[in-house]
């Protein structure tokens, strides 16, 4: 997701500069791209910015524990959001997940829901939350661990797509990125949630 958001931003000539907060250098060079190597638990002051897009995420398996997972998908997201607001950002776009619900009995969905609630409580002038279904794409090509659940869902989706409701079909990361950026620029209500099905057209 982060790669697709970065590609979309750099393709937009109206974007004067892109400050990418990364945990390891991204192999992308562009005159408008400035990379900042950071630690999520110790973010430096950010340069003056107008908007922020957050696509942080991991799995319990990769993180090693529920506590470590929450540190990224909840605490890390909020840390970046707070730092961006201090730097002057008034628009926030964030990638969450379908099923996000602070009252869910499923730990993953509950953490995503609590993250969304906390962002809403910050009273952003403009907040867009994307809730994609399983993401289509080759994680191995990016050096990321393959998620068995996504692999199964993508296989089923290809065979059964006409029968699967739009919100539950797999979705390309590029579509999510384009939908997020599109809605972030609209003069629409201050808070907008994008279900997966609504992003399929992008």
N, C-alpha and C. Protein backbone atom coordinates (compact mmCIF):
# COMPACT_ATOMS: atom_id res chain seq x y z
N UNK A 1 0.82 -1.20 0.00
CA UNK A 1 0.00 0.00 0.00
C UNK A 1 0.86 1.26 0.00
N UNK A 2 1.87 1.26 0.82
CA UNK A 2 2.73 2.44 0.90
C UNK A 2 3.39 2.76 -0.43
N UNK A 3 3.84 1.70 -1.13
CA UNK A 3 4.47 1.91 -2.43
C UNK A 3 3.49 2.52 -3.42
N UNK A 4 2.25 2.03 -3.45
CA UNK A 4 1.26 2.54 -4.39
C UNK A 4 0.87 3.98 -4.08
N UNK A 5 0.78 4.33 -2.81
CA UNK A 5 0.48 5.71 -2.42
C UNK A 5 1.63 6.62 -2.86
N UNK A 6 2.85 6.16 -2.67
CA UNK A 6 4.03 6.95 -3.06
C UNK A 6 4.04 7.18 -4.57
N UNK A 7 3.77 6.14 -5.34
CA UNK A 7 3.73 6.26 -6.80
C UNK A 7 2.67 7.28 -7.23
N UNK A 8 1.49 7.21 -6.61
CA UNK A 8 0.40 8.12 -6.97
C UNK A 8 0.74 9.57 -6.62
N UNK A 9 1.38 9.78 -5.50
CA UNK A 9 1.75 11.14 -5.09
C UNK A 9 2.80 11.73 -6.03
N UNK A 10 3.79 10.93 -6.38
CA UNK A 10 4.87 11.43 -7.23
C UNK A 10 4.40 11.67 -8.66
N UNK A 11 3.31 11.03 -9.06
CA UNK A 11 2.75 11.22 -10.40
C UNK A 11 1.88 12.47 -10.48
N UNK A 12 1.57 13.06 -9.32
CA UNK A 12 0.70 14.24 -9.26
C UNK A 12 1.56 15.50 -9.21
N UNK A 13 1.56 16.27 -10.30
CA UNK A 13 2.40 17.47 -10.38
C UNK A 13 1.97 18.57 -9.42
N UNK A 14 0.76 18.46 -8.86
CA UNK A 14 0.31 19.48 -7.91
C UNK A 14 0.94 19.28 -6.53
N UNK A 15 1.55 18.13 -6.32
CA UNK A 15 2.23 17.85 -5.04
C UNK A 15 3.64 18.40 -5.12
N UNK A 16 3.94 19.38 -4.28
CA UNK A 16 5.23 20.06 -4.35
C UNK A 16 6.37 19.21 -3.80
N UNK A 17 6.09 18.43 -2.74
CA UNK A 17 7.13 17.60 -2.14
C UNK A 17 6.47 16.45 -1.39
N UNK A 18 7.14 15.33 -1.36
CA UNK A 18 6.67 14.16 -0.63
C UNK A 18 7.72 13.79 0.41
N UNK A 19 7.34 13.88 1.66
CA UNK A 19 8.22 13.48 2.76
C UNK A 19 7.79 12.09 3.20
N UNK A 20 8.61 11.09 2.92
CA UNK A 20 8.26 9.71 3.24
C UNK A 20 8.96 9.28 4.52
N UNK A 21 8.16 8.91 5.53
CA UNK A 21 8.71 8.37 6.77
C UNK A 21 8.88 6.87 6.57
N UNK A 22 10.10 6.40 6.60
CA UNK A 22 10.38 4.99 6.31
C UNK A 22 11.24 4.38 7.41
N UNK A 23 11.06 3.07 7.58
CA UNK A 23 11.88 2.34 8.54
C UNK A 23 13.13 1.78 7.88
N UNK A 24 13.12 1.71 6.55
CA UNK A 24 14.30 1.41 5.76
C UNK A 24 14.16 2.12 4.42
N UNK A 25 15.29 2.50 3.85
CA UNK A 25 15.26 3.31 2.63
C UNK A 25 14.50 2.61 1.51
N UNK A 26 13.65 3.37 0.82
CA UNK A 26 12.88 2.86 -0.31
C UNK A 26 13.68 3.07 -1.59
N UNK A 27 13.80 2.05 -2.45
CA UNK A 27 14.61 2.19 -3.67
C UNK A 27 13.89 3.00 -4.76
N UNK A 28 13.55 4.23 -4.43
CA UNK A 28 12.87 5.14 -5.36
C UNK A 28 13.59 6.48 -5.32
N UNK A 29 13.92 7.01 -6.49
CA UNK A 29 14.54 8.33 -6.56
C UNK A 29 13.64 9.26 -7.37
N UNK A 30 13.44 10.45 -6.83
CA UNK A 30 12.59 11.44 -7.51
C UNK A 30 12.95 12.81 -6.94
N UNK A 31 12.98 13.83 -7.77
CA UNK A 31 13.38 15.16 -7.27
C UNK A 31 12.45 15.72 -6.20
N UNK A 32 11.21 15.23 -6.12
CA UNK A 32 10.28 15.74 -5.11
C UNK A 32 10.14 14.80 -3.91
N UNK A 33 10.95 13.77 -3.86
CA UNK A 33 10.86 12.80 -2.76
C UNK A 33 12.00 13.00 -1.77
N UNK A 34 11.62 13.17 -0.50
CA UNK A 34 12.59 13.25 0.59
C UNK A 34 12.27 12.13 1.57
N UNK A 35 13.22 11.24 1.76
CA UNK A 35 13.01 10.11 2.67
C UNK A 35 13.58 10.42 4.05
N UNK A 36 12.85 10.03 5.08
CA UNK A 36 13.28 10.23 6.46
C UNK A 36 13.30 8.87 7.17
N UNK A 37 14.48 8.40 7.54
CA UNK A 37 14.57 7.16 8.30
C UNK A 37 14.16 7.44 9.73
N UNK A 38 13.13 6.75 10.22
CA UNK A 38 12.59 7.06 11.54
C UNK A 38 12.31 5.78 12.33
N UNK A 39 12.14 5.97 13.61
CA UNK A 39 11.62 4.94 14.50
C UNK A 39 10.23 5.40 14.94
N UNK A 40 9.27 4.49 14.88
CA UNK A 40 7.90 4.87 15.20
C UNK A 40 7.75 5.31 16.65
N UNK A 41 8.59 4.79 17.53
CA UNK A 41 8.48 5.16 18.94
C UNK A 41 9.31 6.39 19.29
N UNK A 42 9.92 7.00 18.28
CA UNK A 42 10.73 8.19 18.54
C UNK A 42 10.79 9.04 17.27
N UNK A 43 9.65 9.61 16.90
CA UNK A 43 9.57 10.41 15.67
C UNK A 43 10.15 11.80 15.89
N UNK A 44 10.95 12.28 14.95
CA UNK A 44 11.46 13.65 15.04
C UNK A 44 10.38 14.63 14.60
N UNK A 45 10.54 15.93 14.87
CA UNK A 45 9.59 16.92 14.35
C UNK A 45 9.56 16.84 12.83
N UNK A 46 8.39 16.93 12.26
CA UNK A 46 8.25 16.83 10.81
C UNK A 46 8.31 18.21 10.16
N UNK A 47 8.71 18.27 8.89
CA UNK A 47 8.67 19.55 8.17
C UNK A 47 7.23 20.00 7.97
N UNK A 48 7.04 21.24 7.61
CA UNK A 48 5.70 21.77 7.38
C UNK A 48 5.01 21.00 6.26
N UNK A 49 3.81 20.46 6.52
CA UNK A 49 3.09 19.68 5.53
C UNK A 49 1.61 20.05 5.54
N UNK A 50 0.92 19.70 4.46
CA UNK A 50 -0.50 19.99 4.33
C UNK A 50 -1.37 18.76 4.61
N UNK A 51 -0.88 17.60 4.16
CA UNK A 51 -1.66 16.38 4.35
C UNK A 51 -0.74 15.21 4.64
N UNK A 52 -1.33 14.18 5.23
CA UNK A 52 -0.54 12.99 5.58
C UNK A 52 -1.33 11.75 5.19
N UNK A 53 -0.62 10.77 4.67
CA UNK A 53 -1.23 9.48 4.33
C UNK A 53 -0.47 8.39 5.08
N UNK A 54 -1.21 7.52 5.74
CA UNK A 54 -0.59 6.49 6.58
C UNK A 54 -1.04 5.11 6.11
N UNK A 55 -0.05 4.26 5.84
CA UNK A 55 -0.34 2.89 5.39
C UNK A 55 0.46 1.89 6.22
N UNK A 56 0.56 2.16 7.51
CA UNK A 56 1.30 1.28 8.42
C UNK A 56 0.50 0.01 8.69
N UNK A 57 1.19 -1.12 8.72
CA UNK A 57 0.49 -2.35 9.05
C UNK A 57 1.45 -3.52 9.13
N UNK A 58 1.12 -4.49 9.96
CA UNK A 58 1.90 -5.71 10.09
C UNK A 58 0.93 -6.84 10.42
N UNK A 59 1.46 -7.96 10.84
CA UNK A 59 0.63 -9.08 11.31
C UNK A 59 1.18 -9.52 12.66
N UNK A 60 0.36 -10.24 13.40
CA UNK A 60 0.83 -10.75 14.69
C UNK A 60 2.00 -11.70 14.48
N UNK A 61 1.94 -12.51 13.40
CA UNK A 61 3.01 -13.47 13.11
C UNK A 61 4.33 -12.75 12.87
N UNK A 62 4.30 -11.70 12.05
CA UNK A 62 5.52 -10.96 11.75
C UNK A 62 5.98 -10.15 12.96
N UNK A 63 5.04 -9.51 13.64
CA UNK A 63 5.38 -8.67 14.80
C UNK A 63 5.90 -9.51 15.96
N UNK A 64 5.36 -10.73 16.11
CA UNK A 64 5.84 -11.62 17.17
C UNK A 64 4.93 -11.73 18.36
N UNK A 65 4.01 -10.78 18.51
CA UNK A 65 3.08 -10.82 19.64
C UNK A 65 1.96 -9.83 19.39
N UNK A 66 0.88 -9.96 20.16
CA UNK A 66 -0.22 -9.00 20.05
C UNK A 66 0.24 -7.60 20.45
N UNK A 67 1.08 -7.54 21.46
CA UNK A 67 1.58 -6.25 21.93
C UNK A 67 2.40 -5.55 20.85
N UNK A 68 3.26 -6.32 20.18
CA UNK A 68 4.09 -5.75 19.12
C UNK A 68 3.24 -5.35 17.92
N UNK A 69 2.21 -6.14 17.62
CA UNK A 69 1.31 -5.81 16.52
C UNK A 69 0.60 -4.49 16.81
N UNK A 70 0.08 -4.34 18.02
CA UNK A 70 -0.63 -3.12 18.39
C UNK A 70 0.30 -1.90 18.35
N UNK A 71 1.57 -2.12 18.67
CA UNK A 71 2.53 -1.01 18.67
C UNK A 71 2.67 -0.40 17.29
N UNK A 72 2.48 -1.20 16.24
CA UNK A 72 2.57 -0.70 14.87
C UNK A 72 1.22 -0.21 14.37
N UNK A 73 0.22 -1.10 14.41
CA UNK A 73 -1.07 -0.81 13.76
C UNK A 73 -1.94 0.18 14.54
N UNK A 74 -1.64 0.41 15.78
CA UNK A 74 -2.38 1.38 16.58
C UNK A 74 -1.47 2.52 17.02
N UNK A 75 -0.48 2.20 17.83
CA UNK A 75 0.38 3.24 18.41
C UNK A 75 1.19 3.97 17.34
N UNK A 76 1.74 3.21 16.37
CA UNK A 76 2.54 3.83 15.32
C UNK A 76 1.73 4.77 14.46
N UNK A 77 0.53 4.34 14.10
CA UNK A 77 -0.36 5.19 13.29
C UNK A 77 -0.68 6.49 14.02
N UNK A 78 -1.01 6.38 15.30
CA UNK A 78 -1.36 7.57 16.07
C UNK A 78 -0.16 8.49 16.26
N UNK A 79 1.01 7.91 16.42
CA UNK A 79 2.22 8.73 16.58
C UNK A 79 2.48 9.56 15.33
N UNK A 80 2.35 8.94 14.17
CA UNK A 80 2.55 9.67 12.91
C UNK A 80 1.47 10.74 12.74
N UNK A 81 0.24 10.41 13.06
CA UNK A 81 -0.86 11.37 12.93
C UNK A 81 -0.64 12.59 13.83
N UNK A 82 -0.23 12.35 15.05
CA UNK A 82 0.01 13.47 15.98
C UNK A 82 1.16 14.35 15.49
N UNK A 83 2.23 13.71 15.03
CA UNK A 83 3.39 14.47 14.53
C UNK A 83 3.00 15.29 13.31
N UNK A 84 2.17 14.72 12.44
CA UNK A 84 1.73 15.43 11.24
C UNK A 84 0.85 16.62 11.59
N UNK A 85 -0.03 16.43 12.56
CA UNK A 85 -0.91 17.54 12.97
C UNK A 85 -0.07 18.68 13.54
N UNK A 86 0.96 18.35 14.31
CA UNK A 86 1.85 19.38 14.86
C UNK A 86 2.58 20.11 13.74
N UNK A 87 2.82 19.41 12.62
CA UNK A 87 3.54 20.00 11.49
C UNK A 87 2.61 20.78 10.57
N UNK A 88 1.34 20.90 10.95
CA UNK A 88 0.41 21.72 10.19
C UNK A 88 -0.55 20.99 9.28
N UNK A 89 -0.47 19.66 9.22
CA UNK A 89 -1.37 18.91 8.34
C UNK A 89 -2.81 19.08 8.78
N UNK A 90 -3.70 19.24 7.82
CA UNK A 90 -5.13 19.38 8.12
C UNK A 90 -5.95 18.25 7.48
N UNK A 91 -5.31 17.45 6.62
CA UNK A 91 -6.00 16.34 5.95
C UNK A 91 -5.23 15.05 6.21
N UNK A 92 -5.97 14.03 6.62
CA UNK A 92 -5.36 12.73 6.91
C UNK A 92 -6.09 11.62 6.17
N UNK A 93 -5.33 10.80 5.46
CA UNK A 93 -5.86 9.60 4.83
C UNK A 93 -5.15 8.40 5.45
N UNK A 94 -5.91 7.40 5.83
CA UNK A 94 -5.30 6.23 6.49
C UNK A 94 -5.88 4.94 5.94
N UNK A 95 -5.03 3.94 5.80
CA UNK A 95 -5.47 2.62 5.36
C UNK A 95 -5.76 1.78 6.60
N UNK A 96 -7.00 1.37 6.75
CA UNK A 96 -7.42 0.53 7.87
C UNK A 96 -7.70 -0.87 7.32
N UNK A 97 -8.81 -1.44 7.64
CA UNK A 97 -9.14 -2.78 7.14
C UNK A 97 -10.64 -3.00 7.19
N UNK A 98 -11.14 -3.78 6.25
CA UNK A 98 -12.54 -4.16 6.29
C UNK A 98 -12.79 -4.92 7.59
N UNK A 99 -13.87 -4.61 8.25
CA UNK A 99 -14.17 -5.29 9.51
C UNK A 99 -13.67 -4.55 10.73
N UNK A 100 -13.01 -3.41 10.54
CA UNK A 100 -12.52 -2.63 11.67
C UNK A 100 -13.68 -2.27 12.60
N UNK A 101 -13.55 -2.60 13.87
CA UNK A 101 -14.63 -2.37 14.83
C UNK A 101 -14.05 -2.45 16.23
N UNK A 102 -14.12 -1.35 16.95
CA UNK A 102 -13.52 -1.29 18.29
C UNK A 102 -14.16 -2.27 19.26
N UNK A 103 -15.34 -2.79 18.93
CA UNK A 103 -16.02 -3.74 19.81
C UNK A 103 -15.93 -5.18 19.32
N UNK A 104 -15.15 -5.39 18.27
CA UNK A 104 -15.05 -6.72 17.69
C UNK A 104 -14.39 -7.72 18.64
N UNK A 105 -14.82 -8.96 18.56
CA UNK A 105 -14.18 -10.02 19.34
C UNK A 105 -12.90 -10.51 18.67
N UNK A 106 -12.70 -10.10 17.41
CA UNK A 106 -11.48 -10.45 16.68
C UNK A 106 -10.41 -9.40 16.97
N UNK A 107 -9.30 -9.82 17.50
CA UNK A 107 -8.27 -8.88 17.96
C UNK A 107 -7.84 -7.92 16.85
N UNK A 108 -7.54 -8.44 15.67
CA UNK A 108 -7.08 -7.61 14.55
C UNK A 108 -8.09 -6.52 14.23
N UNK A 109 -9.35 -6.90 14.08
CA UNK A 109 -10.40 -5.91 13.77
C UNK A 109 -10.59 -4.91 14.89
N UNK A 110 -10.45 -5.39 16.14
CA UNK A 110 -10.63 -4.49 17.29
C UNK A 110 -9.54 -3.43 17.33
N UNK A 111 -8.30 -3.83 17.08
CA UNK A 111 -7.19 -2.86 17.07
C UNK A 111 -7.39 -1.82 15.98
N UNK A 112 -7.79 -2.29 14.79
CA UNK A 112 -8.04 -1.35 13.69
C UNK A 112 -9.18 -0.39 14.05
N UNK A 113 -10.22 -0.91 14.68
CA UNK A 113 -11.34 -0.07 15.08
C UNK A 113 -10.95 0.95 16.13
N UNK A 114 -10.14 0.54 17.09
CA UNK A 114 -9.68 1.46 18.14
C UNK A 114 -8.78 2.54 17.54
N UNK A 115 -7.97 2.16 16.55
CA UNK A 115 -7.13 3.14 15.86
C UNK A 115 -8.01 4.18 15.16
N UNK A 116 -9.05 3.72 14.47
CA UNK A 116 -9.95 4.65 13.78
C UNK A 116 -10.62 5.59 14.77
N UNK A 117 -11.09 5.05 15.88
CA UNK A 117 -11.75 5.88 16.90
C UNK A 117 -10.81 6.96 17.43
N UNK A 118 -9.56 6.58 17.68
CA UNK A 118 -8.59 7.53 18.22
C UNK A 118 -8.30 8.64 17.21
N UNK A 119 -8.24 8.30 15.94
CA UNK A 119 -8.01 9.33 14.92
C UNK A 119 -9.20 10.28 14.83
N UNK A 120 -10.40 9.74 14.93
CA UNK A 120 -11.59 10.59 14.89
C UNK A 120 -11.62 11.53 16.09
N UNK A 121 -11.16 11.06 17.23
CA UNK A 121 -11.14 11.89 18.44
C UNK A 121 -10.16 13.05 18.33
N UNK A 122 -9.22 12.96 17.41
CA UNK A 122 -8.26 14.05 17.22
C UNK A 122 -8.89 15.24 16.48
N UNK A 123 -10.08 15.05 15.96
CA UNK A 123 -10.84 16.12 15.29
C UNK A 123 -10.10 16.70 14.09
N UNK A 124 -9.71 15.83 13.17
CA UNK A 124 -9.08 16.30 11.94
C UNK A 124 -10.10 17.07 11.10
N UNK A 125 -9.70 18.19 10.50
CA UNK A 125 -10.62 18.89 9.60
C UNK A 125 -11.07 18.00 8.45
N UNK A 126 -10.19 17.11 8.00
CA UNK A 126 -10.53 16.16 6.94
C UNK A 126 -9.88 14.81 7.26
N UNK A 127 -10.70 13.77 7.36
CA UNK A 127 -10.21 12.43 7.68
C UNK A 127 -10.86 11.44 6.72
N UNK A 128 -10.04 10.70 5.98
CA UNK A 128 -10.53 9.68 5.07
C UNK A 128 -9.95 8.33 5.49
N UNK A 129 -10.83 7.37 5.74
CA UNK A 129 -10.41 6.04 6.18
C UNK A 129 -10.76 5.03 5.10
N UNK A 130 -9.76 4.35 4.58
CA UNK A 130 -9.98 3.31 3.57
C UNK A 130 -10.01 1.95 4.27
N UNK A 131 -11.05 1.17 3.96
CA UNK A 131 -11.19 -0.16 4.55
C UNK A 131 -11.17 -1.23 3.45
N UNK A 132 -9.97 -1.55 2.94
CA UNK A 132 -9.89 -2.55 1.87
C UNK A 132 -10.12 -3.96 2.36
N UNK A 133 -10.56 -4.81 1.44
CA UNK A 133 -10.63 -6.25 1.68
C UNK A 133 -9.21 -6.79 1.48
N UNK A 134 -9.08 -8.08 1.14
CA UNK A 134 -7.77 -8.65 0.89
C UNK A 134 -7.10 -7.92 -0.27
N UNK A 135 -5.83 -7.56 -0.09
CA UNK A 135 -5.12 -6.81 -1.10
C UNK A 135 -4.50 -7.74 -2.14
N UNK A 136 -4.79 -7.46 -3.41
CA UNK A 136 -4.18 -8.22 -4.51
C UNK A 136 -2.80 -7.65 -4.77
N UNK A 137 -1.83 -8.52 -4.99
CA UNK A 137 -0.46 -8.06 -5.25
C UNK A 137 0.53 -9.12 -4.82
N UNK A 138 1.76 -8.96 -5.26
CA UNK A 138 2.80 -9.93 -4.95
C UNK A 138 3.66 -9.40 -3.80
N UNK A 139 3.35 -9.83 -2.59
CA UNK A 139 4.14 -9.37 -1.44
C UNK A 139 5.60 -9.82 -1.56
N UNK A 140 5.81 -11.02 -2.11
CA UNK A 140 7.16 -11.55 -2.22
C UNK A 140 8.05 -10.63 -3.05
N UNK A 141 7.47 -9.96 -4.05
CA UNK A 141 8.24 -9.04 -4.90
C UNK A 141 8.76 -7.85 -4.10
N UNK A 142 8.09 -7.54 -3.01
CA UNK A 142 8.50 -6.41 -2.16
C UNK A 142 9.31 -6.87 -0.96
N UNK A 143 9.63 -8.16 -0.91
CA UNK A 143 10.37 -8.68 0.23
C UNK A 143 9.52 -8.82 1.47
N UNK A 144 8.18 -8.88 1.28
CA UNK A 144 7.27 -9.02 2.41
C UNK A 144 6.83 -10.46 2.56
N UNK A 145 6.54 -10.90 3.79
CA UNK A 145 6.05 -12.27 3.97
C UNK A 145 4.69 -12.46 3.33
N UNK A 146 4.51 -13.60 2.69
CA UNK A 146 3.22 -13.93 2.07
C UNK A 146 2.22 -14.29 3.16
N UNK A 147 1.01 -13.76 3.06
CA UNK A 147 -0.04 -14.05 4.03
C UNK A 147 -0.95 -15.13 3.47
N UNK A 148 -0.98 -16.28 4.13
CA UNK A 148 -1.73 -17.42 3.62
C UNK A 148 -3.20 -17.11 3.43
N UNK A 149 -3.78 -16.34 4.32
CA UNK A 149 -5.20 -15.98 4.20
C UNK A 149 -5.46 -15.18 2.94
N UNK A 150 -4.54 -14.25 2.61
CA UNK A 150 -4.70 -13.46 1.40
C UNK A 150 -4.56 -14.33 0.16
N UNK A 151 -3.61 -15.27 0.17
CA UNK A 151 -3.41 -16.14 -0.98
C UNK A 151 -4.66 -16.95 -1.27
N UNK A 152 -5.28 -17.51 -0.22
CA UNK A 152 -6.50 -18.28 -0.39
C UNK A 152 -7.63 -17.39 -0.90
N UNK A 153 -7.76 -16.21 -0.30
CA UNK A 153 -8.84 -15.29 -0.70
C UNK A 153 -8.69 -14.85 -2.15
N UNK A 154 -7.46 -14.60 -2.59
CA UNK A 154 -7.24 -14.18 -3.96
C UNK A 154 -7.57 -15.29 -4.95
N UNK A 155 -7.23 -16.52 -4.59
CA UNK A 155 -7.53 -17.66 -5.45
C UNK A 155 -9.04 -17.83 -5.60
N UNK A 156 -9.74 -17.81 -4.47
CA UNK A 156 -11.20 -17.94 -4.51
C UNK A 156 -11.84 -16.78 -5.25
N UNK A 157 -11.29 -15.59 -5.05
CA UNK A 157 -11.86 -14.40 -5.67
C UNK A 157 -11.81 -14.49 -7.19
N UNK A 158 -10.71 -15.01 -7.73
CA UNK A 158 -10.59 -15.12 -9.18
C UNK A 158 -11.65 -16.06 -9.77
N UNK A 159 -11.95 -17.14 -9.05
CA UNK A 159 -12.90 -18.12 -9.55
C UNK A 159 -14.35 -17.71 -9.30
N UNK A 160 -14.57 -17.06 -8.18
CA UNK A 160 -15.95 -16.81 -7.75
C UNK A 160 -16.35 -15.33 -7.81
N UNK A 161 -15.53 -14.50 -8.43
CA UNK A 161 -15.76 -13.05 -8.38
C UNK A 161 -17.19 -12.61 -8.68
N UNK A 162 -17.85 -13.15 -9.70
CA UNK A 162 -19.23 -12.69 -9.98
C UNK A 162 -20.20 -12.94 -8.83
N UNK A 163 -19.88 -13.90 -7.97
CA UNK A 163 -20.79 -14.26 -6.88
C UNK A 163 -20.44 -13.58 -5.57
N UNK A 164 -19.27 -12.95 -5.53
CA UNK A 164 -18.80 -12.35 -4.28
C UNK A 164 -19.23 -10.88 -4.20
N UNK A 165 -19.88 -10.45 -3.11
CA UNK A 165 -20.24 -9.04 -2.96
C UNK A 165 -19.00 -8.15 -3.09
N UNK A 166 -19.17 -6.96 -3.65
CA UNK A 166 -18.04 -6.07 -3.95
C UNK A 166 -17.13 -5.82 -2.75
N UNK A 167 -17.72 -5.68 -1.57
CA UNK A 167 -16.91 -5.39 -0.39
C UNK A 167 -15.99 -6.53 0.01
N UNK A 168 -16.29 -7.74 -0.46
CA UNK A 168 -15.52 -8.90 -0.05
C UNK A 168 -14.57 -9.41 -1.13
N UNK A 169 -14.60 -8.80 -2.30
CA UNK A 169 -13.67 -9.19 -3.35
C UNK A 169 -12.28 -8.65 -3.03
N UNK A 170 -11.25 -9.35 -3.49
CA UNK A 170 -9.90 -8.82 -3.35
C UNK A 170 -9.80 -7.52 -4.14
N UNK A 171 -8.88 -6.67 -3.74
CA UNK A 171 -8.76 -5.36 -4.39
C UNK A 171 -7.29 -5.02 -4.59
N UNK A 172 -6.98 -4.42 -5.71
CA UNK A 172 -5.61 -4.02 -6.00
C UNK A 172 -5.22 -2.84 -5.12
N UNK A 173 -3.98 -2.87 -4.62
CA UNK A 173 -3.50 -1.80 -3.75
C UNK A 173 -3.54 -0.45 -4.46
N UNK A 174 -3.29 -0.45 -5.77
CA UNK A 174 -3.31 0.81 -6.51
C UNK A 174 -4.68 1.47 -6.51
N UNK A 175 -5.73 0.66 -6.55
CA UNK A 175 -7.09 1.21 -6.50
C UNK A 175 -7.36 1.87 -5.15
N UNK A 176 -6.89 1.25 -4.09
CA UNK A 176 -7.08 1.82 -2.75
C UNK A 176 -6.33 3.15 -2.65
N UNK A 177 -5.11 3.17 -3.14
CA UNK A 177 -4.31 4.40 -3.09
C UNK A 177 -4.99 5.53 -3.86
N UNK A 178 -5.46 5.23 -5.07
CA UNK A 178 -6.10 6.27 -5.89
C UNK A 178 -7.41 6.75 -5.27
N UNK A 179 -8.18 5.83 -4.70
CA UNK A 179 -9.43 6.23 -4.05
C UNK A 179 -9.16 7.11 -2.84
N UNK A 180 -8.16 6.75 -2.07
CA UNK A 180 -7.81 7.51 -0.87
C UNK A 180 -7.41 8.93 -1.23
N UNK A 181 -6.54 9.07 -2.22
CA UNK A 181 -6.08 10.39 -2.64
C UNK A 181 -7.22 11.21 -3.25
N UNK A 182 -8.07 10.56 -4.03
CA UNK A 182 -9.20 11.26 -4.65
C UNK A 182 -10.12 11.86 -3.60
N UNK A 183 -10.49 11.07 -2.62
CA UNK A 183 -11.44 11.54 -1.61
C UNK A 183 -10.80 12.53 -0.64
N UNK A 184 -9.49 12.43 -0.46
CA UNK A 184 -8.82 13.37 0.43
C UNK A 184 -8.87 14.79 -0.14
N UNK A 185 -8.92 14.90 -1.45
CA UNK A 185 -8.92 16.22 -2.10
C UNK A 185 -10.32 16.80 -2.29
N UNK A 186 -11.34 15.99 -2.10
CA UNK A 186 -12.71 16.46 -2.31
C UNK A 186 -13.17 17.38 -1.18
N UNK A 187 -14.01 18.34 -1.53
CA UNK A 187 -14.59 19.22 -0.53
C UNK A 187 -15.85 18.55 0.02
N UNK A 188 -15.65 17.38 0.61
CA UNK A 188 -16.76 16.60 1.15
C UNK A 188 -16.75 16.68 2.67
N UNK A 189 -17.69 16.02 3.35
CA UNK A 189 -17.73 16.08 4.81
C UNK A 189 -16.38 15.76 5.46
N UNK A 190 -16.20 16.22 6.67
CA UNK A 190 -14.90 16.14 7.34
C UNK A 190 -14.42 14.72 7.56
N UNK A 191 -15.34 13.75 7.66
CA UNK A 191 -14.94 12.37 7.88
C UNK A 191 -15.60 11.47 6.85
N UNK A 192 -14.80 10.62 6.22
CA UNK A 192 -15.29 9.76 5.16
C UNK A 192 -14.69 8.37 5.30
N UNK A 193 -15.53 7.34 5.29
CA UNK A 193 -15.07 5.96 5.35
C UNK A 193 -15.33 5.31 3.99
N UNK A 194 -14.30 4.72 3.41
CA UNK A 194 -14.40 4.10 2.10
C UNK A 194 -14.42 2.58 2.24
N UNK A 195 -15.59 1.94 2.10
CA UNK A 195 -15.62 0.48 2.11
C UNK A 195 -14.94 -0.07 0.86
N UNK A 196 -14.48 -1.28 0.92
CA UNK A 196 -13.71 -1.86 -0.17
C UNK A 196 -14.43 -1.81 -1.51
N UNK A 197 -15.71 -2.12 -1.51
CA UNK A 197 -16.47 -2.14 -2.76
C UNK A 197 -16.50 -0.80 -3.46
N UNK A 198 -16.52 0.28 -2.70
CA UNK A 198 -16.59 1.62 -3.29
C UNK A 198 -15.30 2.01 -3.97
N UNK A 199 -14.21 1.30 -3.67
CA UNK A 199 -12.90 1.66 -4.25
C UNK A 199 -12.57 0.84 -5.50
N UNK A 200 -13.41 -0.15 -5.82
CA UNK A 200 -13.12 -1.02 -6.95
C UNK A 200 -13.09 -0.26 -8.28
N UNK A 201 -13.79 0.85 -8.38
CA UNK A 201 -13.88 1.59 -9.63
C UNK A 201 -12.62 2.42 -9.92
N UNK A 202 -11.76 2.55 -8.95
CA UNK A 202 -10.56 3.38 -9.13
C UNK A 202 -9.43 2.53 -9.71
